[in-house]
Full PDB file with SEQRES, HELIX, SHEET, SSBOND, CRYST1, ORIGX, SCALE, CONECT and MASTER records, all heavy atoms in Angstrom:
SEQRES   1 A   30  SER VAL ASN ASP ILE ALA ASP GLY LEU GLY THR TYR GLN          
SEQRES   2 A   30  VAL GLN VAL SER LYS HIS LEU ARG VAL LEU LYS GLU ALA          
SEQRES   3 A   30  GLY LEU VAL ASP                                              
HELIX    1 AA1 VAL A    2  LEU A    9  1                                   8    
HELIX    2 AA2 GLN A   13  GLU A   25  1                                  13    
CRYST1    1.000    1.000    1.000  90.00  90.00  90.00 P 1           1          
ORIGX1      1.000000  0.000000  0.000000        0.00000                         
ORIGX2      0.000000  1.000000  0.000000        0.00000                         
ORIGX3      0.000000  0.000000  1.000000        0.00000                         
SCALE1      1.000000  0.000000  0.000000        0.00000                         
SCALE2      0.000000  1.000000  0.000000        0.00000                         
SCALE3      0.000000  0.000000  1.000000        0.00000                         
ATOM      1  N   SER A   1     106.903  94.689 108.491  1.00  0.00           N  
ATOM      2  CA  SER A   1     106.158  93.725 107.686  1.00  0.00           C  
ATOM      3  C   SER A   1     106.526  92.288 108.177  1.00  0.00           C  
ATOM      4  O   SER A   1     107.559  92.137 108.884  1.00  0.00           O  
ATOM      5  CB  SER A   1     106.436  93.812 106.197  1.00  0.00           C  
ATOM      6  OG  SER A   1     107.796  93.417 105.961  1.00  0.00           O  
ATOM      7  N   VAL A   2     105.729  91.341 107.777  1.00  0.00           N  
ATOM      8  CA  VAL A   2     106.036  89.929 108.118  1.00  0.00           C  
ATOM      9  C   VAL A   2     107.414  89.522 107.571  1.00  0.00           C  
ATOM     10  O   VAL A   2     108.223  88.881 108.306  1.00  0.00           O  
ATOM     11  CB  VAL A   2     104.954  88.954 107.607  1.00  0.00           C  
ATOM     12  CG1 VAL A   2     105.313  87.542 107.825  1.00  0.00           C  
ATOM     13  CG2 VAL A   2     103.610  89.292 108.180  1.00  0.00           C  
ATOM     14  N   ASN A   3     107.716  89.919 106.338  1.00  0.00           N  
ATOM     15  CA  ASN A   3     109.020  89.609 105.769  1.00  0.00           C  
ATOM     16  C   ASN A   3     110.200  90.242 106.493  1.00  0.00           C  
ATOM     17  O   ASN A   3     111.188  89.565 106.769  1.00  0.00           O  
ATOM     18  CB  ASN A   3     109.064  89.965 104.322  1.00  0.00           C  
ATOM     19  CG  ASN A   3     108.189  89.059 103.469  1.00  0.00           C  
ATOM     20  OD1 ASN A   3     107.957  87.896 103.754  1.00  0.00           O  
ATOM     21  ND2 ASN A   3     107.650  89.579 102.406  1.00  0.00           N  
ATOM     22  N   ASP A   4     110.007  91.458 106.938  1.00  0.00           N  
ATOM     23  CA  ASP A   4     111.089  92.117 107.757  1.00  0.00           C  
ATOM     24  C   ASP A   4     111.310  91.413 109.046  1.00  0.00           C  
ATOM     25  O   ASP A   4     112.410  91.179 109.522  1.00  0.00           O  
ATOM     26  CB  ASP A   4     110.685  93.548 108.065  1.00  0.00           C  
ATOM     27  CG  ASP A   4     110.816  94.492 106.895  1.00  0.00           C  
ATOM     28  OD1 ASP A   4     111.458  94.131 105.867  1.00  0.00           O  
ATOM     29  OD2 ASP A   4     110.231  95.616 106.968  1.00  0.00           O  
ATOM     30  N   ILE A   5     110.193  90.959 109.718  1.00  0.00           N  
ATOM     31  CA  ILE A   5     110.303  90.242 110.991  1.00  0.00           C  
ATOM     32  C   ILE A   5     110.971  88.902 110.723  1.00  0.00           C  
ATOM     33  O   ILE A   5     111.841  88.505 111.488  1.00  0.00           O  
ATOM     34  CB  ILE A   5     108.934  90.098 111.611  1.00  0.00           C  
ATOM     35  CG1 ILE A   5     108.348  91.404 111.998  1.00  0.00           C  
ATOM     36  CG2 ILE A   5     108.997  89.172 112.873  1.00  0.00           C  
ATOM     37  CD1 ILE A   5     106.885  91.463 112.346  1.00  0.00           C  
ATOM     38  N   ALA A   6     110.584  88.207 109.717  1.00  0.00           N  
ATOM     39  CA  ALA A   6     111.196  86.881 109.353  1.00  0.00           C  
ATOM     40  C   ALA A   6     112.700  87.077 109.113  1.00  0.00           C  
ATOM     41  O   ALA A   6     113.439  86.273 109.645  1.00  0.00           O  
ATOM     42  CB  ALA A   6     110.511  86.321 108.132  1.00  0.00           C  
ATOM     43  N   ASP A   7     113.051  88.110 108.392  1.00  0.00           N  
ATOM     44  CA  ASP A   7     114.482  88.398 108.176  1.00  0.00           C  
ATOM     45  C   ASP A   7     115.196  88.620 109.486  1.00  0.00           C  
ATOM     46  O   ASP A   7     116.322  88.174 109.694  1.00  0.00           O  
ATOM     47  CB  ASP A   7     114.702  89.558 107.214  1.00  0.00           C  
ATOM     48  CG  ASP A   7     114.314  89.214 105.782  1.00  0.00           C  
ATOM     49  OD1 ASP A   7     114.180  88.013 105.421  1.00  0.00           O  
ATOM     50  OD2 ASP A   7     114.125  90.171 105.051  1.00  0.00           O  
ATOM     51  N   GLY A   8     114.629  89.434 110.319  1.00  0.00           N  
ATOM     52  CA  GLY A   8     115.186  89.804 111.640  1.00  0.00           C  
ATOM     53  C   GLY A   8     115.343  88.557 112.536  1.00  0.00           C  
ATOM     54  O   GLY A   8     116.283  88.462 113.350  1.00  0.00           O  
ATOM     55  N   LEU A   9     114.470  87.645 112.428  1.00  0.00           N  
ATOM     56  CA  LEU A   9     114.534  86.424 113.250  1.00  0.00           C  
ATOM     57  C   LEU A   9     115.340  85.251 112.605  1.00  0.00           C  
ATOM     58  O   LEU A   9     115.691  84.268 113.201  1.00  0.00           O  
ATOM     59  CB  LEU A   9     113.109  85.868 113.531  1.00  0.00           C  
ATOM     60  CG  LEU A   9     112.228  86.720 114.443  1.00  0.00           C  
ATOM     61  CD1 LEU A   9     110.827  86.033 114.551  1.00  0.00           C  
ATOM     62  CD2 LEU A   9     112.875  86.929 115.797  1.00  0.00           C  
ATOM     63  N   GLY A  10     115.544  85.416 111.254  1.00  0.00           N  
ATOM     64  CA  GLY A  10     116.232  84.353 110.555  1.00  0.00           C  
ATOM     65  C   GLY A  10     115.380  83.064 110.475  1.00  0.00           C  
ATOM     66  O   GLY A  10     115.821  82.012 110.545  1.00  0.00           O  
ATOM     67  N   THR A  11     114.024  83.292 110.257  1.00  0.00           N  
ATOM     68  CA  THR A  11     113.098  82.189 110.128  1.00  0.00           C  
ATOM     69  C   THR A  11     112.167  82.379 108.927  1.00  0.00           C  
ATOM     70  O   THR A  11     112.316  83.381 108.222  1.00  0.00           O  
ATOM     71  CB  THR A  11     112.345  82.032 111.499  1.00  0.00           C  
ATOM     72  OG1 THR A  11     111.616  80.823 111.428  1.00  0.00           O  
ATOM     73  CG2 THR A  11     111.413  83.197 111.675  1.00  0.00           C  
ATOM     74  N   TYR A  12     111.272  81.429 108.750  1.00  0.00           N  
ATOM     75  CA  TYR A  12     110.349  81.524 107.650  1.00  0.00           C  
ATOM     76  C   TYR A  12     109.155  82.366 107.939  1.00  0.00           C  
ATOM     77  O   TYR A  12     108.672  82.484 109.074  1.00  0.00           O  
ATOM     78  CB  TYR A  12     109.894  80.092 107.295  1.00  0.00           C  
ATOM     79  CG  TYR A  12     110.982  79.249 106.843  1.00  0.00           C  
ATOM     80  CD1 TYR A  12     111.459  78.251 107.657  1.00  0.00           C  
ATOM     81  CD2 TYR A  12     111.600  79.330 105.569  1.00  0.00           C  
ATOM     82  CE1 TYR A  12     112.533  77.379 107.263  1.00  0.00           C  
ATOM     83  CE2 TYR A  12     112.641  78.528 105.199  1.00  0.00           C  
ATOM     84  CZ  TYR A  12     113.081  77.513 106.026  1.00  0.00           C  
ATOM     85  OH  TYR A  12     114.163  76.714 105.625  1.00  0.00           O  
ATOM     86  N   GLN A  13     108.643  82.963 106.852  1.00  0.00           N  
ATOM     87  CA  GLN A  13     107.429  83.843 106.938  1.00  0.00           C  
ATOM     88  C   GLN A  13     106.275  83.154 107.513  1.00  0.00           C  
ATOM     89  O   GLN A  13     105.441  83.701 108.288  1.00  0.00           O  
ATOM     90  CB  GLN A  13     107.171  84.438 105.526  1.00  0.00           C  
ATOM     91  CG  GLN A  13     106.034  85.366 105.465  1.00  0.00           C  
ATOM     92  CD  GLN A  13     104.691  84.724 105.125  1.00  0.00           C  
ATOM     93  OE1 GLN A  13     104.679  83.636 104.512  1.00  0.00           O  
ATOM     94  NE2 GLN A  13     103.631  85.344 105.502  1.00  0.00           N  
ATOM     95  N   VAL A  14     106.051  81.898 107.202  1.00  0.00           N  
ATOM     96  CA  VAL A  14     104.960  81.080 107.608  1.00  0.00           C  
ATOM     97  C   VAL A  14     104.948  80.984 109.245  1.00  0.00           C  
ATOM     98  O   VAL A  14     103.941  81.132 109.872  1.00  0.00           O  
ATOM     99  CB  VAL A  14     104.900  79.721 107.002  1.00  0.00           C  
ATOM    100  CG1 VAL A  14     103.864  78.845 107.600  1.00  0.00           C  
ATOM    101  CG2 VAL A  14     104.719  79.808 105.492  1.00  0.00           C  
ATOM    102  N   GLN A  15     106.181  80.742 109.755  1.00  0.00           N  
ATOM    103  CA  GLN A  15     106.277  80.631 111.169  1.00  0.00           C  
ATOM    104  C   GLN A  15     105.962  81.980 111.875  1.00  0.00           C  
ATOM    105  O   GLN A  15     105.286  82.026 112.883  1.00  0.00           O  
ATOM    106  CB  GLN A  15     107.662  80.120 111.572  1.00  0.00           C  
ATOM    107  CG  GLN A  15     107.965  78.719 111.134  1.00  0.00           C  
ATOM    108  CD  GLN A  15     109.402  78.350 111.299  1.00  0.00           C  
ATOM    109  OE1 GLN A  15     110.259  79.150 110.998  1.00  0.00           O  
ATOM    110  NE2 GLN A  15     109.621  77.117 111.725  1.00  0.00           N  
ATOM    111  N   VAL A  16     106.532  83.013 111.303  1.00  0.00           N  
ATOM    112  CA  VAL A  16     106.314  84.395 111.845  1.00  0.00           C  
ATOM    113  C   VAL A  16     104.779  84.704 111.797  1.00  0.00           C  
ATOM    114  O   VAL A  16     104.272  85.261 112.745  1.00  0.00           O  
ATOM    115  CB  VAL A  16     107.097  85.427 111.091  1.00  0.00           C  
ATOM    116  CG1 VAL A  16     106.704  86.846 111.458  1.00  0.00           C  
ATOM    117  CG2 VAL A  16     108.626  85.223 111.245  1.00  0.00           C  
ATOM    118  N   SER A  17     104.154  84.388 110.729  1.00  0.00           N  
ATOM    119  CA  SER A  17     102.701  84.665 110.621  1.00  0.00           C  
ATOM    120  C   SER A  17     101.910  83.954 111.734  1.00  0.00           C  
ATOM    121  O   SER A  17     100.956  84.579 112.312  1.00  0.00           O  
ATOM    122  CB  SER A  17     102.149  84.198 109.268  1.00  0.00           C  
ATOM    123  OG  SER A  17     102.672  85.058 108.264  1.00  0.00           O  
ATOM    124  N   LYS A  18     102.240  82.730 112.076  1.00  0.00           N  
ATOM    125  CA  LYS A  18     101.557  82.011 113.119  1.00  0.00           C  
ATOM    126  C   LYS A  18     101.797  82.641 114.417  1.00  0.00           C  
ATOM    127  O   LYS A  18     100.872  82.838 115.308  1.00  0.00           O  
ATOM    128  CB  LYS A  18     102.104  80.584 113.194  1.00  0.00           C  
ATOM    129  CG  LYS A  18     101.615  79.705 112.059  1.00  0.00           C  
ATOM    130  CD  LYS A  18     102.095  78.319 112.155  1.00  0.00           C  
ATOM    131  CE  LYS A  18     101.694  77.509 110.909  1.00  0.00           C  
ATOM    132  NZ  LYS A  18     102.143  76.130 111.006  1.00  0.00           N  
ATOM    133  N   HIS A  19     103.024  83.110 114.707  1.00  0.00           N  
ATOM    134  CA  HIS A  19     103.352  83.871 115.953  1.00  0.00           C  
ATOM    135  C   HIS A  19     102.604  85.185 116.072  1.00  0.00           C  
ATOM    136  O   HIS A  19     102.091  85.543 117.083  1.00  0.00           O  
ATOM    137  CB  HIS A  19     104.844  84.090 116.163  1.00  0.00           C  
ATOM    138  CG  HIS A  19     105.564  82.826 116.441  1.00  0.00           C  
ATOM    139  ND1 HIS A  19     105.281  81.932 117.476  1.00  0.00           N  
ATOM    140  CD2 HIS A  19     106.633  82.176 115.785  1.00  0.00           C  
ATOM    141  CE1 HIS A  19     106.081  80.920 117.460  1.00  0.00           C  
ATOM    142  NE2 HIS A  19     106.885  81.092 116.469  1.00  0.00           N  
ATOM    143  N   LEU A  20     102.578  85.919 114.899  1.00  0.00           N  
ATOM    144  CA  LEU A  20     101.821  87.166 114.907  1.00  0.00           C  
ATOM    145  C   LEU A  20     100.350  86.984 115.100  1.00  0.00           C  
ATOM    146  O   LEU A  20      99.759  87.889 115.794  1.00  0.00           O  
ATOM    147  CB  LEU A  20     102.123  87.878 113.539  1.00  0.00           C  
ATOM    148  CG  LEU A  20     103.495  88.496 113.358  1.00  0.00           C  
ATOM    149  CD1 LEU A  20     103.742  88.867 111.976  1.00  0.00           C  
ATOM    150  CD2 LEU A  20     103.685  89.670 114.317  1.00  0.00           C  
ATOM    151  N   ARG A  21      99.787  85.898 114.685  1.00  0.00           N  
ATOM    152  CA  ARG A  21      98.402  85.667 114.965  1.00  0.00           C  
ATOM    153  C   ARG A  21      98.158  85.516 116.419  1.00  0.00           C  
ATOM    154  O   ARG A  21      97.202  86.052 116.966  1.00  0.00           O  
ATOM    155  CB  ARG A  21      97.996  84.352 114.193  1.00  0.00           C  
ATOM    156  CG  ARG A  21      96.422  84.156 114.293  1.00  0.00           C  
ATOM    157  CD  ARG A  21      95.928  82.934 113.560  1.00  0.00           C  
ATOM    158  NE  ARG A  21      96.677  82.688 112.287  1.00  0.00           N  
ATOM    159  CZ  ARG A  21      97.350  81.575 112.028  1.00  0.00           C  
ATOM    160  NH1 ARG A  21      97.445  80.631 112.931  1.00  0.00           N  
ATOM    161  NH2 ARG A  21      97.974  81.482 110.823  1.00  0.00           N  
ATOM    162  N   VAL A  22      99.020  84.820 117.106  1.00  0.00           N  
ATOM    163  CA  VAL A  22      98.882  84.624 118.593  1.00  0.00           C  
ATOM    164  C   VAL A  22      99.062  86.022 119.253  1.00  0.00           C  
ATOM    165  O   VAL A  22      98.300  86.353 120.157  1.00  0.00           O  
ATOM    166  CB  VAL A  22      99.924  83.645 119.137  1.00  0.00           C  
ATOM    167  CG1 VAL A  22      99.940  83.603 120.634  1.00  0.00           C  
ATOM    168  CG2 VAL A  22      99.644  82.260 118.530  1.00  0.00           C  
ATOM    169  N   LEU A  23     100.006  86.752 118.857  1.00  0.00           N  
ATOM    170  CA  LEU A  23     100.256  88.085 119.466  1.00  0.00           C  
ATOM    171  C   LEU A  23      99.072  89.013 119.197  1.00  0.00           C  
ATOM    172  O   LEU A  23      98.666  89.812 120.053  1.00  0.00           O  
ATOM    173  CB  LEU A  23     101.538  88.746 118.903  1.00  0.00           C  
ATOM    174  CG  LEU A  23     102.877  88.046 119.359  1.00  0.00           C  
ATOM    175  CD1 LEU A  23     103.997  88.619 118.548  1.00  0.00           C  
ATOM    176  CD2 LEU A  23     103.071  88.203 120.810  1.00  0.00           C  
ATOM    177  N   LYS A  24      98.445  88.939 118.017  1.00  0.00           N  
ATOM    178  CA  LYS A  24      97.260  89.748 117.744  1.00  0.00           C  
ATOM    179  C   LYS A  24      96.062  89.302 118.549  1.00  0.00           C  
ATOM    180  O   LYS A  24      95.385  90.139 119.089  1.00  0.00           O  
ATOM    181  CB  LYS A  24      96.936  89.644 116.207  1.00  0.00           C  
ATOM    182  CG  LYS A  24      95.844  90.588 115.813  1.00  0.00           C  
ATOM    183  CD  LYS A  24      95.712  90.610 114.276  1.00  0.00           C  
ATOM    184  CE  LYS A  24      94.575  91.495 113.762  1.00  0.00           C  
ATOM    185  NZ  LYS A  24      93.577  91.969 114.637  1.00  0.00           N  
ATOM    186  N   GLU A  25      95.869  88.013 118.715  1.00  0.00           N  
ATOM    187  CA  GLU A  25      94.782  87.512 119.543  1.00  0.00           C  
ATOM    188  C   GLU A  25      94.960  87.931 121.023  1.00  0.00           C  
ATOM    189  O   GLU A  25      93.939  88.164 121.730  1.00  0.00           O  
ATOM    190  CB  GLU A  25      94.679  85.941 119.463  1.00  0.00           C  
ATOM    191  CG  GLU A  25      94.132  85.525 118.098  1.00  0.00           C  
ATOM    192  CD  GLU A  25      94.270  84.068 117.869  1.00  0.00           C  
ATOM    193  OE1 GLU A  25      94.764  83.282 118.800  1.00  0.00           O  
ATOM    194  OE2 GLU A  25      93.892  83.550 116.757  1.00  0.00           O  
ATOM    195  N   ALA A  26      96.181  88.036 121.449  1.00  0.00           N  
ATOM    196  CA  ALA A  26      96.489  88.450 122.854  1.00  0.00           C  
ATOM    197  C   ALA A  26      96.419  89.968 122.970  1.00  0.00           C  
ATOM    198  O   ALA A  26      96.465  90.504 124.054  1.00  0.00           O  
ATOM    199  CB  ALA A  26      97.896  87.981 123.249  1.00  0.00           C  
ATOM    200  N   GLY A  27      96.166  90.706 121.876  1.00  0.00           N  
ATOM    201  CA  GLY A  27      96.074  92.120 121.923  1.00  0.00           C  
ATOM    202  C   GLY A  27      97.361  92.907 121.873  1.00  0.00           C  
ATOM    203  O   GLY A  27      97.419  94.072 122.222  1.00  0.00           O  
ATOM    204  N   LEU A  28      98.458  92.193 121.677  1.00  0.00           N  
ATOM    205  CA  LEU A  28      99.753  92.803 121.777  1.00  0.00           C  
ATOM    206  C   LEU A  28     100.164  93.592 120.504  1.00  0.00           C  
ATOM    207  O   LEU A  28     101.050  94.450 120.555  1.00  0.00           O  
ATOM    208  CB  LEU A  28     100.861  91.737 122.104  1.00  0.00           C  
ATOM    209  CG  LEU A  28     100.855  91.297 123.577  1.00  0.00           C  
ATOM    210  CD1 LEU A  28     101.565  90.003 123.696  1.00  0.00           C  
ATOM    211  CD2 LEU A  28     101.440  92.341 124.456  1.00  0.00           C  
ATOM    212  N   VAL A  29      99.600  93.190 119.374  1.00  0.00           N  
ATOM    213  CA  VAL A  29      99.949  93.864 118.128  1.00  0.00           C  
ATOM    214  C   VAL A  29      98.688  94.248 117.363  1.00  0.00           C  
ATOM    215  O   VAL A  29      97.666  93.653 117.482  1.00  0.00           O  
ATOM    216  CB  VAL A  29     100.859  92.992 117.198  1.00  0.00           C  
ATOM    217  CG1 VAL A  29     102.186  92.720 117.846  1.00  0.00           C  
ATOM    218  CG2 VAL A  29     100.154  91.718 116.729  1.00  0.00           C  
ATOM    219  N   ASP A  30      98.839  95.287 116.588  1.00  0.00           N  
ATOM    220  CA  ASP A  30      97.845  95.686 115.580  1.00  0.00           C  
ATOM    221  C   ASP A  30      98.419  95.431 114.210  1.00  0.00           C  
ATOM    222  O   ASP A  30      99.620  95.496 114.008  1.00  0.00           O  
ATOM    223  CB  ASP A  30      97.477  97.228 115.708  1.00  0.00           C  
ATOM    224  CG  ASP A  30      96.454  97.444 116.794  1.00  0.00           C  
ATOM    225  OD1 ASP A  30      95.666  96.616 117.034  1.00  0.00           O  
ATOM    226  OD2 ASP A  30      96.487  98.582 117.343  1.00  0.00           O  
TER     227      ASP A  30                                                      
MASTER        0    0    0    2    0    0    0    6  226    1    0    3          
END                                                                             
């Protein structure tokens, strides 16, 4: 989940969501 990723990175959920959007647009994540 976004929260698990944010915890793993030690960053905020909002920042992770932005990065996940880019990864999704690049086709790297579902």
